[in-house]
């Protein structure tokens, strides 16, 4: 049975000292991974520098993204950045990657927000480029969106054949791509095609279990090697109506995306989702929930 792992999303801090202290607190509490999002708008650190600083301040804590927006960087650039972080962290990088989706990012930066299908196709090519450049020797690639000609990069990632790749999503095409290519699949709500936010119609137990089944079917023989996770959007004893405003919290409460109750209730729910549905990676999405969830990590982290 797969070990339960815990991650936490941190978005920034007021100083270098505060950032490193937050990273060390996560490590001391037993969290496995510190994760940084990737958006151009809002009060958030840039991922590459933030991950490097967190890795240098810790010894065991893994660092990663939830998730790099593929449309913001050519995969050849990201491949080199990621390999460098993996080297400087002594092999503690977990690379989360998505299409990019938030309309405000694209609008503010003057970027075109292509239809979801185009963005998923581009992401699939980017994954091929990343894995190719992390291999041995010069790499060539010719696709619709990217072309690479005899490129060989240094450094190579410490983790071989490459750092664990996380893909997150809730739409059918993203889940199939993740099942085929990712080491970790973060199951969430699909987002609206116009980039305005998550689609609240996608919530609920049936939808969540359907996504787990879709990943299992699409992964086929490689399913035992795929780690399933999800982002926990609300934790503790608050009322459901106080949960994530972008979704119907009463429906999300049926899923591991909302974990309410006493610390004992939370421990039991985490174990249930791992034992019964293979969800073994739980990411606390909001820093406000860390105090309520830390006792769960301290009990279950091994």
Protein backbone atom coordinates (compact mmCIF):
# COMPACT_ATOMS: atom_id res chain seq x y z
CA UNK A 1 0.00 0.00 0.00
CA UNK A 2 1.36 3.41 -0.99
CA UNK A 3 2.66 5.71 1.74
CA UNK A 4 0.56 8.78 2.47
CA UNK A 5 2.32 12.01 1.55
CA UNK A 6 1.54 15.61 2.38
CA UNK A 7 2.23 18.85 0.55
CA UNK A 8 1.45 22.48 1.24
CA UNK A 9 1.13 25.44 -1.11
CA UNK A 10 3.01 28.55 0.01
CA UNK A 11 2.65 31.70 -2.06
CA UNK A 12 5.14 34.16 -0.60
CA UNK A 13 6.53 35.95 2.42
CA UNK A 14 7.61 39.40 3.52
CA UNK A 15 11.31 38.60 3.62
CA UNK A 16 13.89 35.93 2.91
CA UNK A 17 14.00 35.07 6.60
CA UNK A 18 10.24 34.62 6.80
CA UNK A 19 10.24 32.43 3.69
CA UNK A 20 12.96 30.14 4.99
CA UNK A 21 11.27 29.92 8.39
CA UNK A 22 8.02 28.83 6.74
CA UNK A 23 9.85 26.17 4.77
CA UNK A 24 11.59 24.88 7.88
CA UNK A 25 8.30 24.74 9.81
CA UNK A 26 6.78 22.58 7.10
CA UNK A 27 9.79 20.29 7.21
CA UNK A 28 9.68 20.07 10.99
CA UNK A 29 5.96 19.22 10.99
CA UNK A 30 6.51 16.27 8.66
CA UNK A 31 5.23 17.68 5.38
CA UNK A 32 6.85 16.07 2.37
CA UNK A 33 6.65 18.83 -0.24
CA UNK A 34 6.54 22.64 -0.37
CA UNK A 35 4.67 23.74 -3.48
CA UNK A 36 4.57 27.11 -5.22
CA UNK A 37 1.92 28.17 -7.77
CA UNK A 38 2.71 29.94 -11.03
CA UNK A 39 0.60 33.01 -11.82
CA UNK A 40 1.55 36.40 -13.16
CA UNK A 41 -1.10 38.27 -11.17
CA UNK A 42 -1.59 38.43 -7.44
CA UNK A 43 0.72 38.44 -4.39
CA UNK A 44 2.83 35.40 -5.22
CA UNK A 45 6.53 34.63 -5.50
CA UNK A 46 8.02 33.55 -8.80
CA UNK A 47 8.48 29.77 -8.62
CA UNK A 48 12.11 29.17 -9.63
CA UNK A 49 13.69 31.55 -7.13
CA UNK A 50 11.24 30.59 -4.37
CA UNK A 51 11.88 26.86 -4.77
CA UNK A 52 15.63 27.34 -4.82
CA UNK A 53 15.56 29.38 -1.62
CA UNK A 54 13.29 26.85 0.12
CA UNK A 55 15.50 23.95 -0.93
CA UNK A 56 18.62 25.69 0.32
CA UNK A 57 16.96 26.32 3.69
CA UNK A 58 15.97 22.68 4.27
CA UNK A 59 17.49 19.23 4.06
CA UNK A 60 14.62 16.74 3.66
CA UNK A 61 11.69 18.79 2.35
CA UNK A 62 10.99 18.32 -1.32
CA UNK A 63 10.07 21.35 -3.43
CA UNK A 64 7.77 21.62 -6.39
CA UNK A 65 5.20 23.57 -8.35
CA UNK A 66 1.44 23.38 -8.44
CA UNK A 67 1.86 24.05 -11.26
CA UNK A 68 4.19 25.67 -13.79
CA UNK A 69 2.06 27.20 -16.56
CA UNK A 70 3.38 25.72 -19.77
CA UNK A 71 2.40 28.73 -21.85
CA UNK A 72 4.74 31.00 -19.89
CA UNK A 73 8.00 29.22 -20.80
CA UNK A 74 9.46 27.29 -23.69
CA UNK A 75 10.05 23.72 -22.44
CA UNK A 76 13.74 23.97 -23.31
CA UNK A 77 14.04 26.84 -20.84
CA UNK A 78 12.03 25.01 -18.20
CA UNK A 79 14.06 21.81 -18.69
CA UNK A 80 17.27 23.66 -17.84
CA UNK A 81 15.75 25.54 -14.90
CA UNK A 82 14.28 22.34 -13.47
CA UNK A 83 17.49 20.36 -13.85
CA UNK A 84 19.39 23.12 -12.07
CA UNK A 85 16.93 23.18 -9.16
CA UNK A 86 17.11 19.40 -8.93
CA UNK A 87 20.91 19.57 -8.74
CA UNK A 88 20.99 22.39 -6.19
CA UNK A 89 18.39 20.63 -4.02
CA UNK A 90 20.25 17.30 -4.12
CA UNK A 91 17.42 15.68 -6.04
CA UNK A 92 14.38 17.06 -4.21
CA UNK A 93 12.43 18.62 -7.08
CA UNK A 94 8.91 17.53 -8.04
CA UNK A 95 7.90 19.29 -11.25
CA UNK A 96 4.22 20.13 -11.50
CA UNK A 97 3.11 21.23 -14.95
CA UNK A 98 -0.16 22.42 -16.44
CA UNK A 99 -1.40 24.21 -19.52
CA UNK A 100 -1.89 27.62 -17.95
CA UNK A 101 -5.50 28.66 -17.60
CA UNK A 102 -6.17 31.85 -15.60
CA UNK A 103 -7.53 34.50 -17.96
CA UNK A 104 -6.14 37.35 -15.86
CA UNK A 105 -2.58 36.10 -16.37
CA UNK A 106 -2.96 36.04 -20.12
CA UNK A 107 -4.85 39.32 -20.34
CA UNK A 108 -2.42 41.20 -18.12
CA UNK A 109 0.64 39.94 -20.00
CA UNK A 110 -0.87 40.36 -23.47
CA UNK A 111 -0.79 36.62 -24.15
CA UNK A 112 -3.35 34.78 -26.24
CA UNK A 113 -5.51 32.34 -24.27
CA UNK A 114 -5.95 29.56 -26.80
CA UNK A 115 -8.82 27.05 -26.59
CA UNK A 116 -8.29 24.22 -24.08
CA UNK A 117 -7.61 21.63 -26.76
CA UNK A 118 -4.76 23.67 -28.22
CA UNK A 119 -3.25 24.22 -24.79
CA UNK A 120 -3.43 20.52 -23.95
CA UNK A 121 -1.81 19.59 -27.28
CA UNK A 122 0.96 22.10 -26.60
CA UNK A 123 1.46 20.68 -23.11
CA UNK A 124 1.78 17.15 -24.50
CA UNK A 125 4.55 18.34 -26.82
CA UNK A 126 6.23 20.21 -23.97
CA UNK A 127 6.36 17.03 -21.90
CA UNK A 128 8.04 15.21 -24.78
CA UNK A 129 10.62 17.99 -25.04
CA UNK A 130 11.28 18.02 -21.29
CA UNK A 131 11.81 14.28 -21.10
CA UNK A 132 13.95 14.32 -24.23
CA UNK A 133 16.22 17.06 -22.94
CA UNK A 134 16.61 15.29 -19.60
CA UNK A 135 17.89 12.23 -21.45
CA UNK A 136 21.34 11.48 -22.79
CA UNK A 137 22.89 13.19 -25.77
CA UNK A 138 21.59 15.80 -28.22
CA UNK A 139 17.81 15.93 -28.67
CA UNK A 140 15.72 16.72 -31.72
CA UNK A 141 11.99 17.38 -31.81
CA UNK A 142 9.61 18.62 -34.47
CA UNK A 143 6.03 19.27 -33.49
CA UNK A 144 3.21 21.67 -34.19
CA UNK A 145 4.16 23.97 -31.33
CA UNK A 146 7.86 23.31 -30.61
CA UNK A 147 11.00 22.54 -32.54
CA UNK A 148 14.31 21.54 -30.99
CA UNK A 149 17.41 20.91 -33.09
CA UNK A 150 20.28 18.89 -31.64
CA UNK A 151 20.05 20.55 -28.23
CA UNK A 152 22.05 19.04 -25.38
CA UNK A 153 21.78 20.64 -21.96
CA UNK A 154 23.75 20.65 -18.74
CA UNK A 155 23.22 19.98 -15.90
CA UNK A 156 21.31 16.76 -16.04
CA UNK A 157 18.76 16.26 -13.26
CA UNK A 158 20.04 14.33 -10.27
CA UNK A 159 16.89 12.18 -10.25
CA UNK A 160 16.91 9.74 -13.13
CA UNK A 161 15.42 9.43 -15.60
CA UNK A 162 13.96 12.77 -14.49
CA UNK A 163 12.33 14.50 -11.49
CA UNK A 164 8.84 13.24 -10.70
CA UNK A 165 6.35 14.87 -13.04
CA UNK A 166 3.00 16.00 -11.62
CA UNK A 167 0.12 16.87 -13.88
CA UNK A 168 -3.03 18.34 -12.44
CA UNK A 169 -6.47 18.70 -13.88
CA UNK A 170 -10.08 17.66 -13.99
CA UNK A 171 -10.99 17.54 -17.66
CA UNK A 172 -11.00 14.23 -19.56
CA UNK A 173 -8.12 15.09 -21.90
CA UNK A 174 -5.88 16.31 -19.09
CA UNK A 175 -6.61 13.23 -17.02
CA UNK A 176 -5.76 10.94 -19.94
CA UNK A 177 -2.53 12.83 -20.59
CA UNK A 178 -1.63 12.68 -16.91
CA UNK A 179 -2.37 8.95 -16.75
CA UNK A 180 -0.05 8.35 -19.68
CA UNK A 181 2.81 10.68 -18.77
CA UNK A 182 2.81 11.71 -15.11
CA UNK A 183 4.28 10.18 -11.99
CA UNK A 184 1.74 12.07 -9.88
CA UNK A 185 -1.81 13.00 -10.89
CA UNK A 186 -3.43 15.80 -8.90
CA UNK A 187 -7.18 15.39 -9.38
CA UNK A 188 -9.21 18.57 -9.18
CA UNK A 189 -12.08 20.46 -10.70
CA UNK A 190 -11.93 21.21 -14.40
CA UNK A 191 -11.64 24.90 -15.20
CA UNK A 192 -13.88 26.90 -17.49
CA UNK A 193 -12.66 27.26 -21.06
CA UNK A 194 -12.62 31.05 -20.76
CA UNK A 195 -10.19 30.93 -17.83
CA UNK A 196 -12.63 32.62 -15.43
CA UNK A 197 -12.25 29.95 -12.75
CA UNK A 198 -13.04 26.36 -11.75
CA UNK A 199 -16.30 24.91 -13.03
CA UNK A 200 -18.45 24.36 -9.93
CA UNK A 201 -20.68 21.98 -11.88
CA UNK A 202 -17.80 19.51 -11.82
CA UNK A 203 -17.89 18.93 -8.05
CA UNK A 204 -19.23 16.06 -6.01
CA UNK A 205 -18.44 12.48 -5.15
CA UNK A 206 -19.58 10.89 -8.40
CA UNK A 207 -17.49 13.26 -10.48
CA UNK A 208 -14.41 12.75 -8.31
CA UNK A 209 -14.64 8.96 -8.34
CA UNK A 210 -15.25 9.08 -12.08
CA UNK A 211 -11.93 10.88 -12.50
CA UNK A 212 -10.12 8.28 -10.40
CA UNK A 213 -11.63 5.57 -12.59
CA UNK A 214 -10.67 7.47 -15.74
CA UNK A 215 -7.04 7.70 -14.63
CA UNK A 216 -6.99 4.02 -13.72
CA UNK A 217 -8.36 3.02 -17.12
CA UNK A 218 -6.12 5.34 -19.12
CA UNK A 219 -2.99 4.36 -17.20
CA UNK A 220 -3.48 0.67 -17.82
CA UNK A 221 -0.46 -1.37 -16.80
CA UNK A 222 1.37 1.65 -15.41
CA UNK A 223 -1.39 2.48 -12.90
CA UNK A 224 0.41 0.90 -9.90
CA UNK A 225 3.29 3.33 -10.47
CA UNK A 226 1.05 6.42 -10.60
CA UNK A 227 0.53 8.38 -7.39
CA UNK A 228 -2.93 9.92 -7.05
CA UNK A 229 -3.39 13.13 -5.13
CA UNK A 230 -5.70 16.07 -4.70
CA UNK A 231 -5.68 19.60 -3.36
CA UNK A 232 -7.52 20.00 -0.06
CA UNK A 233 -9.35 23.30 -0.35
CA UNK A 234 -10.75 23.44 3.19
CA UNK A 235 -9.78 21.79 6.46
CA UNK A 236 -11.13 21.68 9.99
CA UNK A 237 -14.39 22.56 11.68
CA UNK A 238 -15.60 25.58 9.70
CA UNK A 239 -19.05 25.51 8.21
CA UNK A 240 -19.26 24.25 4.64
CA UNK A 241 -20.53 27.60 3.37
CA UNK A 242 -17.22 29.14 4.42
CA UNK A 243 -15.29 26.91 2.03
CA UNK A 244 -13.71 27.75 -1.30
CA UNK A 245 -16.06 30.27 -2.88
CA UNK A 246 -15.48 29.00 -6.42
CA UNK A 247 -17.22 25.68 -5.84
CA UNK A 248 -20.27 24.13 -4.22
CA UNK A 249 -18.66 23.23 -0.90
CA UNK A 250 -21.50 20.98 0.23
CA UNK A 251 -20.74 18.71 -2.72
CA UNK A 252 -16.98 18.98 -2.33
CA UNK A 253 -17.33 17.86 1.27
CA UNK A 254 -18.11 14.39 -0.06
CA UNK A 255 -14.62 14.32 -1.59
CA UNK A 256 -11.11 14.63 -0.12
CA UNK A 257 -11.03 18.21 -1.38
CA UNK A 258 -12.90 19.33 1.75
CA UNK A 259 -11.97 17.63 5.04
CA UNK A 260 -14.08 18.77 7.97
CA UNK A 261 -14.26 17.49 11.54
CA UNK A 262 -12.03 16.84 14.49
CA UNK A 263 -8.36 15.91 14.07
CA UNK A 264 -9.36 12.26 14.55
CA UNK A 265 -12.02 12.62 11.86
CA UNK A 266 -9.43 14.05 9.47
CA UNK A 267 -6.98 11.23 10.13
CA UNK A 268 -9.70 8.65 9.48
CA UNK A 269 -10.80 10.39 6.28
CA UNK A 270 -7.26 10.59 4.91
CA UNK A 271 -6.74 6.88 5.61
CA UNK A 272 -10.11 6.04 4.04
CA UNK A 273 -9.29 7.82 0.80
CA UNK A 274 -5.91 6.12 0.60
CA UNK A 275 -7.19 2.64 1.49
CA UNK A 276 -10.40 2.68 -0.56
CA UNK A 277 -9.65 4.95 -3.52
CA UNK A 278 -5.84 5.15 -3.87
CA UNK A 279 -5.63 8.87 -3.01
CA UNK A 280 -2.34 9.03 -1.14
CA UNK A 281 -1.05 12.57 -1.70
CA UNK A 282 -2.87 15.40 0.07
CA UNK A 283 -1.95 19.02 -0.65
CA UNK A 284 -3.16 21.78 1.67
CA UNK A 285 -4.07 24.56 -0.73
CA UNK A 286 -4.47 27.47 1.71
CA UNK A 287 -2.02 28.51 4.39
CA UNK A 288 -4.94 29.34 6.69
CA UNK A 289 -5.60 25.58 6.97
CA UNK A 290 -2.09 24.56 8.00
CA UNK A 291 -2.72 24.77 11.79
CA UNK A 292 -5.77 22.50 11.51
CA UNK A 293 -4.05 20.00 9.24
CA UNK A 294 -0.60 19.84 10.83
CA UNK A 295 -1.71 17.39 13.59
CA UNK A 296 -2.88 15.01 10.83
CA UNK A 297 0.53 15.20 9.18
CA UNK A 298 2.32 14.67 12.49
CA UNK A 299 0.31 11.49 13.12
CA UNK A 300 0.41 9.98 9.64
CA UNK A 301 3.77 11.06 8.25
CA UNK A 302 6.29 8.23 8.26
